[in-house]
């Protein structure tokens, strides 16, 4: 099938998937309001096969040291799948399944499958990385750019992490866990019972970002948008907390955004 945009609808919710633009959710509208920042770099893109920054773009892959392109010098950031064209596997009125084959510069052939499912009051994103050959470390995450303002008051963030990853001058976790500090943030937090972050646009909408994963990056240093990024490990996690994808065991992750009108 082609990689043209896909529109899903459920009640007054409408979602656009753009396979050609890195497999991202390029728009989510609820009651006509755009919840996601618009633009080719924005919406919500999948972070695969790694999340956030890899220090100096290098990671240990068994005994081999792999070098990824430094797309955020001096580091490599957010994986390769957001720069590729995904393919549409199947669609219904309220669900899309898209796939992406990992290619060079990623050293291992593998397939990423992403399922986007919309209901009247929620969207669920699910992804899996499968290999039929070598085992390798990988991560999955999502990077939504929620509009800070929907036409009323600015969004308010509420979450209770167990810890914050101490951030070094190079923007990467030092390995120390510290008590959560007040924002603004470009930081990774641990939520061992699962990610649970509430965004409230007062008088308009309450949106909960949840995931069984235990890591979330919150980025709210930009004026236009706030990012709440559930992921399977911390930044630089290919080095510090690798999760192996094997022919017998794919890496899978999911996140749900559910909303209530206020």
Protein backbone atom coordinates (compact mmCIF):
# COMPACT_ATOMS: atom_id res chain seq x y z
CA UNK A 1 0.00 0.00 0.00
CA UNK A 2 1.02 3.63 -0.35
CA UNK A 3 2.41 5.90 2.34
CA UNK A 4 -0.13 8.69 1.91
CA UNK A 5 -1.64 10.36 4.97
CA UNK A 6 -4.28 8.37 6.86
CA UNK A 7 -7.20 9.98 8.69
CA UNK A 8 -8.83 8.17 11.61
CA UNK A 9 -12.07 9.36 13.21
CA UNK A 10 -14.04 8.43 16.33
CA UNK A 11 -16.77 10.71 17.63
CA UNK A 12 -15.42 14.28 17.58
CA UNK A 13 -11.81 13.06 17.59
CA UNK A 14 -9.82 13.10 14.35
CA UNK A 15 -6.26 11.90 13.97
CA UNK A 16 -3.88 12.10 11.00
CA UNK A 17 -1.06 9.58 10.52
CA UNK A 18 1.73 10.56 8.11
CA UNK A 19 3.71 7.42 7.20
CA UNK A 20 5.94 9.34 4.76
CA UNK A 21 6.91 11.79 7.52
CA UNK A 22 8.64 9.33 9.80
CA UNK A 23 5.52 7.42 10.81
CA UNK A 24 4.33 10.30 12.95
CA UNK A 25 0.88 11.27 14.19
CA UNK A 26 0.86 14.64 12.45
CA UNK A 27 -2.41 15.90 13.93
CA UNK A 28 -4.90 15.10 16.69
CA UNK A 29 -8.03 17.20 16.89
CA UNK A 30 -10.62 16.96 19.65
CA UNK A 31 -13.76 19.06 19.21
CA UNK A 32 -11.89 20.89 16.46
CA UNK A 33 -8.92 21.82 18.70
CA UNK A 34 -5.41 20.88 17.56
CA UNK A 35 -3.75 19.17 20.51
CA UNK A 36 -0.42 18.70 18.71
CA UNK A 37 1.92 21.36 17.37
CA UNK A 38 1.78 21.40 13.59
CA UNK A 39 4.77 21.10 11.26
CA UNK A 40 6.95 18.43 9.65
CA UNK A 41 9.19 18.13 12.75
CA UNK A 42 6.35 18.08 15.25
CA UNK A 43 3.12 16.16 15.83
CA UNK A 44 4.17 12.97 17.61
CA UNK A 45 6.98 10.87 16.18
CA UNK A 46 8.19 7.42 17.21
CA UNK A 47 11.71 7.26 18.64
CA UNK A 48 13.20 4.01 17.29
CA UNK A 49 15.63 2.25 17.61
CA UNK A 50 16.77 4.61 20.37
CA UNK A 51 15.30 7.44 22.46
CA UNK A 52 16.88 10.76 23.24
CA UNK A 53 20.63 11.16 22.90
CA UNK A 54 23.37 8.55 22.50
CA UNK A 55 26.64 9.91 23.89
CA UNK A 56 28.91 10.83 20.95
CA UNK A 57 26.62 8.72 18.74
CA UNK A 58 28.40 5.53 19.85
CA UNK A 59 27.01 2.44 21.51
CA UNK A 60 28.28 -1.01 22.38
CA UNK A 61 26.68 -3.76 20.30
CA UNK A 62 28.06 -7.01 21.66
CA UNK A 63 31.80 -6.57 21.18
CA UNK A 64 31.43 -3.99 18.40
CA UNK A 65 31.29 -0.24 18.86
CA UNK A 66 28.70 1.28 16.51
CA UNK A 67 28.75 4.88 15.32
CA UNK A 68 25.49 6.65 14.49
CA UNK A 69 25.33 9.97 12.59
CA UNK A 70 25.68 12.98 14.89
CA UNK A 71 22.35 14.63 14.09
CA UNK A 72 22.47 16.63 17.34
CA UNK A 73 26.22 17.22 17.73
CA UNK A 74 28.06 15.95 19.64
CA UNK A 75 25.36 13.29 20.04
CA UNK A 76 22.94 11.21 17.97
CA UNK A 77 19.31 11.79 18.90
CA UNK A 78 15.86 10.14 18.66
CA UNK A 79 16.63 7.20 16.37
CA UNK A 80 16.42 6.83 12.60
CA UNK A 81 12.79 5.83 12.02
CA UNK A 82 11.48 9.41 12.34
CA UNK A 83 13.51 10.32 9.21
CA UNK A 84 12.27 7.43 7.09
CA UNK A 85 9.20 6.71 5.01
CA UNK A 86 6.97 4.12 6.64
CA UNK A 87 4.54 1.92 4.74
CA UNK A 88 0.87 1.39 5.44
CA UNK A 89 0.04 -2.23 6.23
CA UNK A 90 -3.70 -1.81 6.86
CA UNK A 91 -6.26 0.74 7.97
CA UNK A 92 -9.81 0.89 9.25
CA UNK A 93 -11.92 3.92 10.18
CA UNK A 94 -10.28 4.15 13.61
CA UNK A 95 -7.01 2.17 13.39
CA UNK A 96 -3.85 2.24 11.28
CA UNK A 97 -0.95 -0.20 11.14
CA UNK A 98 2.27 1.06 9.61
CA UNK A 99 5.73 -0.52 9.27
CA UNK A 100 9.31 0.60 8.81
CA UNK A 101 12.33 -1.53 7.96
CA UNK A 102 15.46 -0.39 9.78
CA UNK A 103 18.22 0.30 7.26
CA UNK A 104 21.69 1.83 7.17
CA UNK A 105 23.06 3.55 9.28
CA UNK A 106 21.43 1.11 11.71
CA UNK A 107 23.62 -2.01 11.47
CA UNK A 108 20.92 -4.69 11.86
CA UNK A 109 17.98 -5.53 9.61
CA UNK A 110 14.76 -5.37 11.59
CA UNK A 111 11.14 -4.33 11.23
CA UNK A 112 9.27 -1.77 13.30
CA UNK A 113 5.47 -2.03 13.42
CA UNK A 114 3.35 0.76 14.87
CA UNK A 115 -0.37 0.52 15.59
CA UNK A 116 -2.37 3.72 16.10
CA UNK A 117 -5.87 3.13 17.52
CA UNK A 118 -8.38 5.94 18.11
CA UNK A 119 -11.54 5.97 20.23
CA UNK A 120 -13.85 8.86 21.12
CA UNK A 121 -11.77 9.73 24.18
CA UNK A 122 -8.34 8.13 23.73
CA UNK A 123 -5.58 7.17 21.34
CA UNK A 124 -3.31 4.18 21.95
CA UNK A 125 0.07 3.89 20.25
CA UNK A 126 1.78 0.49 20.21
CA UNK A 127 5.12 -0.37 18.63
CA UNK A 128 7.31 -3.43 18.26
CA UNK A 129 10.83 -4.01 16.94
CA UNK A 130 11.33 -7.50 15.48
CA UNK A 131 14.49 -9.14 14.18
CA UNK A 132 14.84 -12.36 12.22
CA UNK A 133 18.63 -12.37 12.31
CA UNK A 134 21.01 -10.78 14.84
CA UNK A 135 20.15 -9.72 18.37
CA UNK A 136 20.82 -6.07 19.20
CA UNK A 137 20.02 -3.40 21.81
CA UNK A 138 17.12 -1.05 21.04
CA UNK A 139 14.64 1.36 22.55
CA UNK A 140 11.12 2.53 21.69
CA UNK A 141 9.53 5.81 22.70
CA UNK A 142 7.17 8.54 21.50
CA UNK A 143 7.83 12.25 21.24
CA UNK A 144 4.54 14.19 21.22
CA UNK A 145 4.57 18.00 20.96
CA UNK A 146 1.42 19.04 22.82
CA UNK A 147 0.39 22.63 22.19
CA UNK A 148 1.03 24.69 25.31
CA UNK A 149 -2.08 26.74 24.65
CA UNK A 150 -5.42 25.72 23.10
CA UNK A 151 -6.86 29.24 23.07
CA UNK A 152 -7.33 29.66 26.85
CA UNK A 153 -4.88 29.31 29.72
CA UNK A 154 -1.54 27.55 29.28
CA UNK A 155 -1.35 23.84 29.99
CA UNK A 156 -0.48 22.65 33.51
CA UNK A 157 1.64 19.54 34.04
CA UNK A 158 1.13 17.18 36.97
CA UNK A 159 3.11 14.01 37.68
CA UNK A 160 4.80 12.35 40.66
CA UNK A 161 8.00 10.62 39.58
CA UNK A 162 10.00 8.47 41.98
CA UNK A 163 13.23 10.14 40.87
CA UNK A 164 14.84 12.40 38.31
CA UNK A 165 17.90 11.31 36.35
CA UNK A 166 20.63 13.82 37.18
CA UNK A 167 21.53 15.62 33.96
CA UNK A 168 25.15 16.41 33.12
CA UNK A 169 26.42 19.41 31.21
CA UNK A 170 26.26 17.26 28.06
CA UNK A 171 22.45 16.84 28.55
CA UNK A 172 22.87 13.13 29.32
CA UNK A 173 22.07 11.32 32.56
CA UNK A 174 25.09 11.00 34.85
CA UNK A 175 23.84 7.76 36.35
CA UNK A 176 22.82 9.45 39.62
CA UNK A 177 19.18 9.56 40.66
CA UNK A 178 18.08 12.73 42.44
CA UNK A 179 14.88 14.07 43.96
CA UNK A 180 12.65 15.60 41.26
CA UNK A 181 13.39 19.28 40.75
CA UNK A 182 11.00 22.01 39.55
CA UNK A 183 10.93 22.80 35.82
CA UNK A 184 11.48 23.92 33.20
CA UNK A 185 12.73 20.51 32.17
CA UNK A 186 14.60 18.64 29.51
CA UNK A 187 14.91 15.71 31.84
CA UNK A 188 14.26 12.02 32.28
CA UNK A 189 12.19 10.76 35.22
CA UNK A 190 11.65 7.30 36.67
CA UNK A 191 8.09 6.09 37.29
CA UNK A 192 8.48 2.43 38.32
CA UNK A 193 4.71 1.86 38.52
CA UNK A 194 4.29 3.10 34.94
CA UNK A 195 4.24 6.51 33.30
CA UNK A 196 1.31 8.66 34.45
CA UNK A 197 1.38 12.34 33.52
CA UNK A 198 -1.64 14.69 33.45
CA UNK A 199 -1.82 17.73 31.18
CA UNK A 200 -4.64 20.16 32.01
CA UNK A 201 -5.73 23.04 29.81
CA UNK A 202 -7.93 24.81 32.42
CA UNK A 203 -11.59 24.98 31.47
CA UNK A 204 -10.94 23.04 28.27
CA UNK A 205 -9.39 19.59 28.44
CA UNK A 206 -7.61 17.16 30.76
CA UNK A 207 -5.32 14.67 29.02
CA UNK A 208 -3.53 11.75 30.68
CA UNK A 209 -0.40 10.21 29.16
CA UNK A 210 0.04 6.70 30.54
CA UNK A 211 2.30 3.77 29.69
CA UNK A 212 3.45 0.55 31.37
CA UNK A 213 7.00 1.74 30.65
CA UNK A 214 8.95 3.20 33.56
CA UNK A 215 10.70 6.14 31.93
CA UNK A 216 9.44 9.51 30.76
CA UNK A 217 11.27 12.53 29.39
CA UNK A 218 9.54 15.87 29.96
CA UNK A 219 10.62 18.77 27.76
CA UNK A 220 8.92 22.11 28.31
CA UNK A 221 11.67 24.61 27.50
CA UNK A 222 9.98 25.81 24.31
CA UNK A 223 7.26 28.42 24.27
CA UNK A 224 4.91 26.72 21.81
CA UNK A 225 4.70 23.17 23.09
CA UNK A 226 5.24 20.68 25.91
CA UNK A 227 6.63 17.19 25.29
CA UNK A 228 5.83 14.15 27.47
CA UNK A 229 7.80 11.19 26.12
CA UNK A 230 7.22 7.67 27.48
CA UNK A 231 10.11 5.37 26.57
CA UNK A 232 11.55 1.94 27.31
CA UNK A 233 14.74 3.32 28.86
CA UNK A 234 16.59 6.52 29.68
CA UNK A 235 18.60 8.65 27.23
CA UNK A 236 21.88 6.91 26.31
CA UNK A 237 20.14 3.73 27.41
CA UNK A 238 21.65 1.66 24.58
CA UNK A 239 24.84 1.98 26.63
CA UNK A 240 23.58 2.17 30.20
CA UNK A 241 20.46 -0.03 30.24
CA UNK A 242 20.32 -2.04 27.01
CA UNK A 243 17.18 -4.00 26.13
CA UNK A 244 17.95 -6.75 23.64
CA UNK A 245 15.78 -7.52 20.64
CA UNK A 246 16.21 -11.19 19.73
CA UNK A 247 14.63 -13.43 17.09
CA UNK A 248 12.55 -14.99 19.87
CA UNK A 249 11.74 -11.80 21.78
CA UNK A 250 10.76 -8.55 20.10
CA UNK A 251 10.84 -5.25 21.97
CA UNK A 252 7.33 -3.91 22.50
CA UNK A 253 5.95 -0.73 24.03
CA UNK A 254 2.65 1.11 24.29
CA UNK A 255 1.26 4.43 25.46
CA UNK A 256 -2.28 5.78 25.78
CA UNK A 257 -3.47 9.38 25.78
CA UNK A 258 -6.95 9.68 27.23
CA UNK A 259 -8.88 12.93 27.56
CA UNK A 260 -11.79 14.40 29.46
CA UNK A 261 -13.55 17.64 28.58
CA UNK A 262 -13.64 20.23 31.36
